[in-house]
N, C-alpha and C. Protein backbone atom coordinates (compact mmCIF):
# COMPACT_ATOMS: atom_id res chain seq x y z
N UNK A 1 101.27 84.07 91.82
CA UNK A 1 100.18 84.82 92.80
C UNK A 1 100.66 85.87 91.94
N UNK A 2 99.81 87.18 91.94
CA UNK A 2 100.18 88.61 91.78
C UNK A 2 100.55 89.24 92.79
N UNK A 3 102.15 89.98 92.90
CA UNK A 3 102.62 90.84 93.45
C UNK A 3 102.17 92.13 93.85
N UNK A 4 101.16 92.37 94.50
CA UNK A 4 100.90 94.24 94.26
C UNK A 4 101.88 94.79 95.37
N UNK A 5 102.60 94.17 95.84
CA UNK A 5 103.44 95.48 96.59
C UNK A 5 103.23 95.00 98.40
N UNK A 6 104.22 94.39 98.62
CA UNK A 6 104.34 94.16 100.11
C UNK A 6 104.87 94.91 101.32
N UNK A 7 105.65 95.42 100.17
CA UNK A 7 106.54 96.32 101.10
C UNK A 7 106.01 97.63 101.49
N UNK A 8 106.24 98.30 102.88
CA UNK A 8 105.74 99.15 103.69
C UNK A 8 106.36 100.62 103.33
N UNK A 9 107.60 100.68 102.27
CA UNK A 9 108.18 101.53 101.87
C UNK A 9 106.92 102.64 101.34
N UNK A 10 107.28 103.63 101.24
CA UNK A 10 106.59 104.46 100.67
C UNK A 10 106.80 104.64 99.23
N UNK A 11 105.43 104.03 98.28
CA UNK A 11 105.58 104.50 96.90
C UNK A 11 105.25 105.66 96.51
N UNK A 12 106.18 105.77 95.33
CA UNK A 12 106.15 106.95 94.33
C UNK A 12 105.38 106.50 93.37
N UNK A 13 104.80 107.73 92.79
CA UNK A 13 103.78 107.46 91.68
C UNK A 13 104.18 106.70 90.74
N UNK A 14 105.54 107.09 90.37
CA UNK A 14 106.18 106.31 89.35
C UNK A 14 106.21 104.72 89.64
N UNK A 15 106.87 104.49 91.02
CA UNK A 15 106.48 103.01 91.32
C UNK A 15 105.03 102.39 91.54
N UNK A 16 104.21 103.08 91.63
CA UNK A 16 102.76 102.32 91.99
C UNK A 16 102.47 102.53 90.93
N UNK A 17 102.39 102.88 89.80
CA UNK A 17 102.50 102.78 88.35
C UNK A 17 103.17 101.44 87.78
N UNK A 18 104.46 101.30 88.24
CA UNK A 18 105.02 100.39 87.84
C UNK A 18 104.56 98.93 88.24
N UNK A 19 104.06 98.97 89.99
CA UNK A 19 103.39 97.68 90.50
C UNK A 19 102.03 97.85 89.79
N UNK A 20 101.54 98.34 89.14
CA UNK A 20 99.92 98.44 88.86
C UNK A 20 99.91 97.57 87.26
N UNK A 21 101.32 98.04 86.16
CA UNK A 21 101.49 96.99 85.34
C UNK A 21 101.73 95.65 85.72
N UNK A 22 102.77 95.46 86.88
CA UNK A 22 103.14 94.12 86.65
C UNK A 22 102.03 93.40 87.28
N UNK A 23 101.13 94.21 88.11
CA UNK A 23 99.53 93.36 88.28
C UNK A 23 98.61 92.87 87.34
N UNK A 24 98.72 94.05 86.33
CA UNK A 24 98.32 93.94 85.26
C UNK A 24 98.64 92.48 84.05
N UNK A 25 100.08 93.12 83.89
CA UNK A 25 100.69 91.87 83.57
C UNK A 25 100.24 90.41 83.86
N UNK A 26 100.45 90.19 85.12
CA UNK A 26 100.08 88.59 85.62
C UNK A 26 98.71 88.12 84.97
N UNK A 27 97.87 89.06 85.36
CA UNK A 27 96.40 89.07 85.29
C UNK A 27 96.28 88.60 83.04
N UNK A 28 97.11 89.46 82.88
CA UNK A 28 96.97 89.00 81.27
C UNK A 28 97.63 87.84 81.33
N UNK A 29 98.80 87.35 81.81
CA UNK A 29 99.48 85.95 81.52
C UNK A 29 98.16 85.08 81.88
N UNK A 30 97.52 85.11 83.19
CA UNK A 30 96.30 84.28 83.26
C UNK A 30 95.42 84.17 82.12
N UNK A 31 94.93 85.42 81.51
CA UNK A 31 93.87 85.47 80.74
C UNK A 31 94.21 84.96 79.63
N UNK A 32 95.49 85.01 78.96
CA UNK A 32 96.02 84.52 77.77
C UNK A 32 95.63 82.76 77.71
N UNK A 33 95.99 82.30 78.80
CA UNK A 33 95.98 80.60 79.08
C UNK A 33 94.28 80.63 78.42
N UNK A 34 93.19 81.20 78.69
CA UNK A 34 92.26 80.85 78.13
C UNK A 34 91.87 81.36 76.55
N UNK A 35 93.05 82.16 76.65
CA UNK A 35 92.92 82.97 75.24
C UNK A 35 94.40 83.17 74.37
N UNK A 36 94.60 82.04 73.63
CA UNK A 36 95.98 82.49 73.31
C UNK A 36 96.25 83.20 72.60
N UNK A 37 95.42 83.69 71.67
CA UNK A 37 95.83 84.93 70.68
C UNK A 37 96.57 86.01 71.42
N UNK A 38 96.33 86.15 72.60
CA UNK A 38 96.13 87.25 73.62
C UNK A 38 97.77 87.80 73.35
N UNK A 39 98.25 89.17 73.10
CA UNK A 39 99.49 89.56 73.15
C UNK A 39 99.38 90.71 73.82
N UNK A 40 100.06 89.83 75.08
CA UNK A 40 100.15 90.97 76.31
C UNK A 40 100.83 91.94 76.82
N UNK A 41 102.07 91.97 75.66
CA UNK A 41 102.70 93.19 75.92
C UNK A 41 101.87 94.05 74.80
N UNK A 42 101.06 94.10 73.70
CA UNK A 42 100.24 94.97 72.99
C UNK A 42 99.38 95.42 74.23
N UNK A 43 98.56 94.33 74.77
CA UNK A 43 97.58 94.92 75.39
C UNK A 43 98.21 95.80 76.56
N UNK A 44 99.35 95.50 77.34
CA UNK A 44 100.09 96.74 78.16
C UNK A 44 100.45 97.53 77.60
N UNK A 45 100.87 98.00 76.50
CA UNK A 45 101.24 99.33 75.63
C UNK A 45 99.68 100.03 75.72
N UNK A 46 98.82 99.15 75.14
CA UNK A 46 97.83 100.24 74.84
C UNK A 46 96.66 100.42 76.53
N UNK A 47 97.23 99.50 77.57
CA UNK A 47 96.86 100.46 78.69
C UNK A 47 97.31 101.50 79.30
N UNK A 48 98.49 101.67 78.85
CA UNK A 48 99.60 102.80 79.36
C UNK A 48 98.64 103.82 78.19
N UNK A 49 98.58 103.66 76.95
CA UNK A 49 98.37 104.60 76.03
C UNK A 49 96.70 104.97 76.07
N UNK A 50 96.22 104.52 77.30
CA UNK A 50 94.75 104.52 77.45
C UNK A 50 94.29 103.76 78.83
N UNK A 51 95.17 104.62 79.70
CA UNK A 51 94.77 104.11 80.80
C UNK A 51 93.44 104.16 81.55
N UNK A 52 92.14 104.64 81.14
CA UNK A 52 90.77 104.40 81.38
C UNK A 52 89.95 103.67 80.99
N UNK A 53 90.57 102.91 80.13
CA UNK A 53 89.79 101.85 79.16
C UNK A 53 90.25 100.41 79.57
N UNK A 54 89.32 99.43 79.99
CA UNK A 54 89.12 98.68 80.60
C UNK A 54 90.12 97.50 79.18
N UNK A 55 91.29 96.69 80.04
CA UNK A 55 92.17 95.77 79.18
C UNK A 55 91.89 94.35 79.39
N UNK A 56 91.42 94.01 81.21
CA UNK A 56 91.31 92.81 81.15
C UNK A 56 90.23 92.26 81.31
N UNK A 57 89.79 90.84 81.16
CA UNK A 57 88.53 90.43 81.25
C UNK A 57 87.81 90.53 82.72
N UNK A 58 86.57 89.99 82.26
CA UNK A 58 86.23 89.72 83.69
C UNK A 58 86.83 88.46 84.84
N UNK A 59 87.26 87.75 84.44
CA UNK A 59 88.01 86.66 84.78
C UNK A 59 89.32 86.73 85.41
N UNK A 60 89.96 87.54 84.76
CA UNK A 60 91.32 88.37 85.21
C UNK A 60 91.18 89.22 85.86
N UNK A 61 89.90 90.21 86.13
CA UNK A 61 89.77 90.92 87.19
C UNK A 61 89.35 90.52 88.43
N UNK A 62 88.87 88.99 88.48
CA UNK A 62 88.35 88.54 89.61
C UNK A 62 89.81 88.18 90.40
N UNK A 63 90.76 87.48 89.34
CA UNK A 63 92.04 86.81 89.76
C UNK A 63 92.76 88.01 90.55
N UNK A 64 92.63 89.42 90.26
CA UNK A 64 93.31 90.62 90.54
C UNK A 64 92.81 90.64 92.11
N UNK A 65 91.29 90.73 91.94
CA UNK A 65 90.76 90.94 93.52
C UNK A 65 91.36 90.14 94.46
N UNK A 66 91.31 88.86 93.88
CA UNK A 66 91.96 87.79 94.96
C UNK A 66 92.86 88.00 95.53
N UNK A 67 93.88 88.47 94.44
CA UNK A 67 95.28 88.33 94.85
C UNK A 67 95.36 89.66 95.63
N UNK A 68 94.61 91.02 95.37
CA UNK A 68 94.94 91.94 96.08
C UNK A 68 94.63 91.73 97.69
N UNK A 69 93.51 90.88 97.54
CA UNK A 69 92.84 90.40 99.05
C UNK A 69 93.95 89.68 99.77
N UNK A 70 94.95 88.73 99.23
CA UNK A 70 95.87 88.08 99.74
C UNK A 70 97.09 88.60 100.08
N UNK A 71 97.47 89.59 99.14
CA UNK A 71 98.57 90.51 99.53
C UNK A 71 98.40 91.07 100.72
N UNK A 72 97.26 91.80 100.54
CA UNK A 72 97.21 92.87 101.64
C UNK A 72 96.45 92.35 102.94
N UNK A 73 95.75 91.08 102.94
CA UNK A 73 95.38 90.13 104.05
C UNK A 73 94.29 91.06 104.99
N UNK A 74 93.68 91.98 104.33
CA UNK A 74 92.26 92.71 105.21
C UNK A 74 91.44 92.78 104.05
N UNK A 75 89.96 93.03 104.88
CA UNK A 75 88.86 93.12 103.90
C UNK A 75 89.26 94.42 102.62
N UNK A 76 88.87 93.91 101.46
CA UNK A 76 89.29 95.45 100.82
C UNK A 76 88.25 96.36 100.91
N UNK A 77 88.67 97.54 100.77
CA UNK A 77 87.76 98.59 100.94
C UNK A 77 86.60 98.96 99.94
N UNK A 78 85.37 99.17 99.73
CA UNK A 78 84.39 99.46 99.22
C UNK A 78 84.97 100.05 97.38
N UNK A 79 85.63 100.93 97.76
CA UNK A 79 86.08 101.93 97.01
C UNK A 79 86.86 101.46 95.99
N UNK A 80 87.47 100.24 95.89
CA UNK A 80 88.04 99.50 95.36
C UNK A 80 87.31 98.32 94.45
N UNK A 81 86.10 98.06 94.94
CA UNK A 81 85.37 97.15 94.38
C UNK A 81 84.38 97.47 93.43
N UNK A 82 84.92 97.79 92.24
CA UNK A 82 84.40 98.23 91.04
C UNK A 82 84.79 97.52 89.84
N UNK A 83 84.33 97.74 88.87
CA UNK A 83 85.14 97.04 87.44
C UNK A 83 86.34 98.03 86.68
N UNK A 84 85.85 99.46 86.96
CA UNK A 84 86.96 100.57 86.66
C UNK A 84 88.31 99.95 87.39
N UNK A 85 88.02 99.64 88.66
CA UNK A 85 89.52 99.79 89.91
C UNK A 85 90.23 98.58 89.23
N UNK A 86 89.58 97.67 88.87
CA UNK A 86 90.27 96.59 88.45
C UNK A 86 90.69 96.24 87.10
N UNK A 87 90.15 96.99 86.32
CA UNK A 87 90.37 96.07 84.55
C UNK A 87 90.88 97.37 83.99
N UNK A 88 91.34 98.89 84.81
CA UNK A 88 92.11 99.26 83.78
C UNK A 88 93.22 100.30 84.78
N UNK A 89 94.44 100.38 83.86
CA UNK A 89 95.12 100.88 84.67
C UNK A 89 95.00 101.77 85.75
N UNK A 90 94.68 102.76 85.45
CA UNK A 90 94.14 103.98 86.43
C UNK A 90 93.61 103.40 87.34
N UNK A 91 92.54 102.61 87.45
CA UNK A 91 91.92 102.42 88.40
C UNK A 91 92.41 101.62 89.13
N UNK A 92 93.60 100.73 88.57
CA UNK A 92 94.29 100.01 89.66
C UNK A 92 95.68 100.43 90.24
N UNK A 93 96.38 101.45 89.44
CA UNK A 93 96.96 102.24 90.38
C UNK A 93 96.41 103.23 91.53
N UNK A 94 95.17 103.34 91.17
CA UNK A 94 94.46 104.04 92.40
C UNK A 94 93.78 102.98 93.75
N UNK A 95 93.60 102.09 93.26
CA UNK A 95 93.27 100.88 93.93
C UNK A 95 94.67 100.54 94.74
N UNK A 96 95.72 100.03 94.19
CA UNK A 96 96.95 99.91 94.72
C UNK A 96 97.46 101.44 95.52
N UNK A 97 97.30 102.27 95.42
CA UNK A 97 97.64 103.32 96.46
C UNK A 97 96.73 103.56 97.57
N UNK A 98 95.32 102.90 97.29
CA UNK A 98 94.70 103.38 98.25
C UNK A 98 94.75 101.99 99.33
N UNK A 99 95.43 100.53 98.83
CA UNK A 99 95.56 99.68 99.60
C UNK A 99 96.90 100.42 100.62
N UNK A 100 97.92 100.82 99.68
CA UNK A 100 99.24 101.02 100.22
C UNK A 100 98.78 102.00 101.72
N UNK A 101 98.10 102.75 101.59
CA UNK A 101 97.89 104.12 102.12
C UNK A 101 97.27 103.32 103.38
N UNK A 102 96.28 102.44 103.05
CA UNK A 102 95.46 101.81 104.01
C UNK A 102 96.36 101.09 105.06
N UNK A 103 97.40 100.36 104.27
CA UNK A 103 98.44 99.43 104.97
C UNK A 103 99.36 99.97 105.52
N UNK A 104 99.47 101.09 105.48
CA UNK A 104 100.61 102.24 106.14
C UNK A 104 100.14 102.77 107.49
N UNK A 105 98.80 103.01 107.01
CA UNK A 105 98.01 103.49 108.64
C UNK A 105 97.82 104.56 108.72
N UNK A 106 97.51 105.43 106.93
CA UNK A 106 96.85 106.73 106.65
C UNK A 106 96.02 106.95 106.26
N UNK A 107 95.00 107.27 106.95
CA UNK A 107 93.51 106.92 106.88
C UNK A 107 93.12 108.24 105.88
N UNK A 108 93.93 109.33 106.14
CA UNK A 108 93.61 110.59 105.19
C UNK A 108 94.03 110.19 103.77
N UNK A 109 94.88 109.51 103.56
CA UNK A 109 95.32 109.27 102.13
C UNK A 109 94.24 108.17 101.80
N UNK A 110 93.56 107.60 102.27
CA UNK A 110 92.67 106.55 101.65
C UNK A 110 91.26 107.35 101.48
N UNK A 111 91.06 108.08 102.51
CA UNK A 111 89.90 109.32 101.86
C UNK A 111 89.88 109.89 101.08
N UNK A 112 90.89 110.49 100.49
CA UNK A 112 91.15 111.13 99.59
C UNK A 112 91.27 110.46 98.12
N UNK A 113 91.06 109.31 98.23
CA UNK A 113 91.35 108.28 97.06
C UNK A 113 90.16 107.86 96.83
N UNK A 114 88.67 108.14 97.81
CA UNK A 114 87.70 107.48 97.29
C UNK A 114 87.19 108.26 96.37
N UNK A 115 87.03 107.86 95.03
CA UNK A 115 86.79 108.74 93.35
C UNK A 115 85.66 107.58 92.99
N UNK A 116 85.47 106.21 93.32
CA UNK A 116 84.91 105.03 93.00
C UNK A 116 85.46 104.34 91.52
N UNK A 117 86.66 105.10 90.98
CA UNK A 117 87.34 104.17 90.48
C UNK A 117 86.85 104.10 89.03
N UNK A 118 87.89 104.70 88.00
CA UNK A 118 87.24 104.22 86.78
C UNK A 118 88.51 103.71 86.02
């Protein structure tokens, strides 16, 4: 299962980026089961250097969505239910930030992240 961050500690931008990379790594590992030639480390390096470019395929994005739903335990907000929020590093980082803020009960932080995800 993808660990999106179950702690209620305040996440720094750096730790949020690490969490997003970890979530993306696990999704890419699952994607590799169907695509054995996939180089997970190269894909992650690409994601870091091109954070707005999709890196995971549609099936891996569905796995990310399912895992986020399981980890956070509440219906996911509409603003993260889009392709960019699940397949790009910047979108996934933003999605985790929204979910962490929502879990911490900080609605103003969630409202401030309503950018549609890329």
